[in-house]
C-alpha atoms as a PDB file:
ATOM      1  CA  UNK A   1      97.017  28.117  35.345  1.00  0.00           C
ATOM      2  CA  UNK A   2      94.188  30.129  36.889  1.00  0.00           C
ATOM      3  CA  UNK A   3      94.134  30.982  40.579  1.00  0.00           C
ATOM      4  CA  UNK A   4      90.423  30.035  40.782  1.00  0.00           C
ATOM      5  CA  UNK A   5      88.378  26.976  39.796  1.00  0.00           C
ATOM      6  CA  UNK A   6      84.680  26.099  39.586  1.00  0.00           C
ATOM      7  CA  UNK A   7      83.481  24.352  42.751  1.00  0.00           C
ATOM      8  CA  UNK A   8      81.962  21.407  40.844  1.00  0.00           C
ATOM      9  CA  UNK A   9      85.218  20.817  38.987  1.00  0.00           C
ATOM     10  CA  UNK A  10      87.258  21.097  42.180  1.00  0.00           C
ATOM     11  CA  UNK A  11      85.037  18.610  44.061  1.00  0.00           C
ATOM     12  CA  UNK A  12      85.348  16.173  41.140  1.00  0.00           C
ATOM     13  CA  UNK A  13      89.120  16.513  40.806  1.00  0.00           C
ATOM     14  CA  UNK A  14      89.635  16.263  44.585  1.00  0.00           C
ATOM     15  CA  UNK A  15      87.658  12.987  44.384  1.00  0.00           C
ATOM     16  CA  UNK A  16      84.794  14.059  46.654  1.00  0.00           C
ATOM     17  CA  UNK A  17      82.325  13.286  43.830  1.00  0.00           C
ATOM     18  CA  UNK A  18      82.432  10.410  41.338  1.00  0.00           C
ATOM     19  CA  UNK A  19      81.277  12.612  38.462  1.00  0.00           C
ATOM     20  CA  UNK A  20      81.224  16.308  37.762  1.00  0.00           C
ATOM     21  CA  UNK A  21      77.432  16.072  37.435  1.00  0.00           C
ATOM     22  CA  UNK A  22      77.231  14.598  40.959  1.00  0.00           C
ATOM     23  CA  UNK A  23      79.393  17.464  42.253  1.00  0.00           C
ATOM     24  CA  UNK A  24      77.159  20.010  40.504  1.00  0.00           C
ATOM     25  CA  UNK A  25      74.068  18.361  42.007  1.00  0.00           C
ATOM     26  CA  UNK A  26      75.565  18.506  45.521  1.00  0.00           C
ATOM     27  CA  UNK A  27      76.176  22.237  45.113  1.00  0.00           C
ATOM     28  CA  UNK A  28      72.797  22.944  43.463  1.00  0.00           C
ATOM     29  CA  UNK A  29      70.948  21.207  46.294  1.00  0.00           C
ATOM     30  CA  UNK A  30      72.606  23.542  48.821  1.00  0.00           C
ATOM     31  CA  UNK A  31      74.908  20.917  50.309  1.00  0.00           C
ATOM     32  CA  UNK A  32      78.110  22.968  50.155  1.00  0.00           C
ATOM     33  CA  UNK A  33      79.132  25.918  52.307  1.00  0.00           C
ATOM     34  CA  UNK A  34      82.109  28.143  51.548  1.00  0.00           C
ATOM     35  CA  UNK A  35      84.184  30.500  53.673  1.00  0.00           C
ATOM     36  CA  UNK A  36      86.034  32.973  51.450  1.00  0.00           C
ATOM     37  CA  UNK A  37      87.912  35.911  52.982  1.00  0.00           C
ATOM     38  CA  UNK A  38      86.245  35.143  56.328  1.00  0.00           C
ATOM     39  CA  UNK A  39      82.703  35.363  54.920  1.00  0.00           C
ATOM     40  CA  UNK A  40      80.656  32.118  55.089  1.00  0.00           C
ATOM     41  CA  UNK A  41      77.888  31.382  52.589  1.00  0.00           C
ATOM     42  CA  UNK A  42      75.842  28.495  51.232  1.00  0.00           C
ATOM     43  CA  UNK A  43      76.531  27.755  47.584  1.00  0.00           C
ATOM     44  CA  UNK A  44      73.703  27.150  45.130  1.00  0.00           C
ATOM     45  CA  UNK A  45      75.459  27.408  41.761  1.00  0.00           C
ATOM     46  CA  UNK A  46      78.122  24.948  40.549  1.00  0.00           C
ATOM     47  CA  UNK A  47      79.781  27.817  38.654  1.00  0.00           C
ATOM     48  CA  UNK A  48      80.954  29.511  41.882  1.00  0.00           C
ATOM     49  CA  UNK A  49      84.735  29.580  41.923  1.00  0.00           C
ATOM     50  CA  UNK A  50      87.014  28.589  44.794  1.00  0.00           C
ATOM     51  CA  UNK A  51      90.600  29.639  45.445  1.00  0.00           C
ATOM     52  CA  UNK A  52      93.492  28.405  47.549  1.00  0.00           C
ATOM     53  CA  UNK A  53      92.798  29.185  51.198  1.00  0.00           C
ATOM     54  CA  UNK A  54      89.006  28.853  50.943  1.00  0.00           C
ATOM     55  CA  UNK A  55      87.280  26.531  53.417  1.00  0.00           C
ATOM     56  CA  UNK A  56      84.488  24.177  52.320  1.00  0.00           C
ATOM     57  CA  UNK A  57      81.964  22.166  54.342  1.00  0.00           C
ATOM     58  CA  UNK A  58      79.812  19.436  52.772  1.00  0.00           C
ATOM     59  CA  UNK A  59      78.457  15.931  53.406  1.00  0.00           C
ATOM     60  CA  UNK A  60      80.622  13.050  52.141  1.00  0.00           C
ATOM     61  CA  UNK A  61      80.157   9.325  52.736  1.00  0.00           C
ATOM     62  CA  UNK A  62      77.711   9.872  55.584  1.00  0.00           C
ATOM     63  CA  UNK A  63      79.717  12.445  57.521  1.00  0.00           C
ATOM     64  CA  UNK A  64      80.289  16.178  57.472  1.00  0.00           C
ATOM     65  CA  UNK A  65      83.637  17.098  55.916  1.00  0.00           C
ATOM     66  CA  UNK A  66      85.462  20.416  56.392  1.00  0.00           C
ATOM     67  CA  UNK A  67      88.460  21.037  54.155  1.00  0.00           C
ATOM     68  CA  UNK A  68      90.736  23.913  53.203  1.00  0.00           C
ATOM     69  CA  UNK A  69      91.507  24.260  49.495  1.00  0.00           C
ATOM     70  CA  UNK A  70      95.283  23.863  49.153  1.00  0.00           C
ATOM     71  CA  UNK A  71      95.505  23.478  45.392  1.00  0.00           C
ATOM     72  CA  UNK A  72      93.585  23.455  42.122  1.00  0.00           C
ATOM     73  CA  UNK A  73      93.860  20.232  40.158  1.00  0.00           C
ATOM     74  CA  UNK A  74      94.571  20.062  36.441  1.00  0.00           C
ATOM     75  CA  UNK A  75      92.903  16.652  36.142  1.00  0.00           C
ATOM     76  CA  UNK A  76      91.137  13.961  38.138  1.00  0.00           C
ATOM     77  CA  UNK A  77      94.116  11.854  39.060  1.00  0.00           C
ATOM     78  CA  UNK A  78      94.683   9.063  41.559  1.00  0.00           C
ATOM     79  CA  UNK A  79      93.697   9.513  45.209  1.00  0.00           C
ATOM     80  CA  UNK A  80      97.276  10.340  46.215  1.00  0.00           C
ATOM     81  CA  UNK A  81      97.331  13.215  43.714  1.00  0.00           C
ATOM     82  CA  UNK A  82      93.880  14.432  44.803  1.00  0.00           C
ATOM     83  CA  UNK A  83      94.877  14.413  48.488  1.00  0.00           C
ATOM     84  CA  UNK A  84      97.306  17.330  48.004  1.00  0.00           C
ATOM     85  CA  UNK A  85      94.415  19.557  46.835  1.00  0.00           C
ATOM     86  CA  UNK A  86      93.014  19.927  50.379  1.00  0.00           C
ATOM     87  CA  UNK A  87      93.697  19.661  54.093  1.00  0.00           C
ATOM     88  CA  UNK A  88      91.119  18.578  56.644  1.00  0.00           C
ATOM     89  CA  UNK A  89      89.866  21.137  59.160  1.00  0.00           C
ATOM     90  CA  UNK A  90      87.618  21.493  62.207  1.00  0.00           C
ATOM     91  CA  UNK A  91      84.084  22.835  61.805  1.00  0.00           C
ATOM     92  CA  UNK A  92      84.810  25.999  63.812  1.00  0.00           C
ATOM     93  CA  UNK A  93      84.659  28.498  60.858  1.00  0.00           C
ATOM     94  CA  UNK A  94      81.001  27.491  60.465  1.00  0.00           C
ATOM     95  CA  UNK A  95      79.967  27.720  64.107  1.00  0.00           C
END
């Protein structure tokens, strides 16, 4: 298994988007920010890859969500399986 995964695929498998196309649209519209190795940036391409330890910030269900990538999913499984792919964080890395 790779140590990196496309952001659109990760958002889909972590159940933050109902479809991979919806995840790609969220990224393309500039709705996702990434902190990788301490460097924050706004993502514009769904092909950008994330790794364990990266922090993501994006809108979800009407609120701003900040999560740390804890794992890379092999499939879009049930919510319980998706929940181990991330941990919730404060918004401080983006301040």
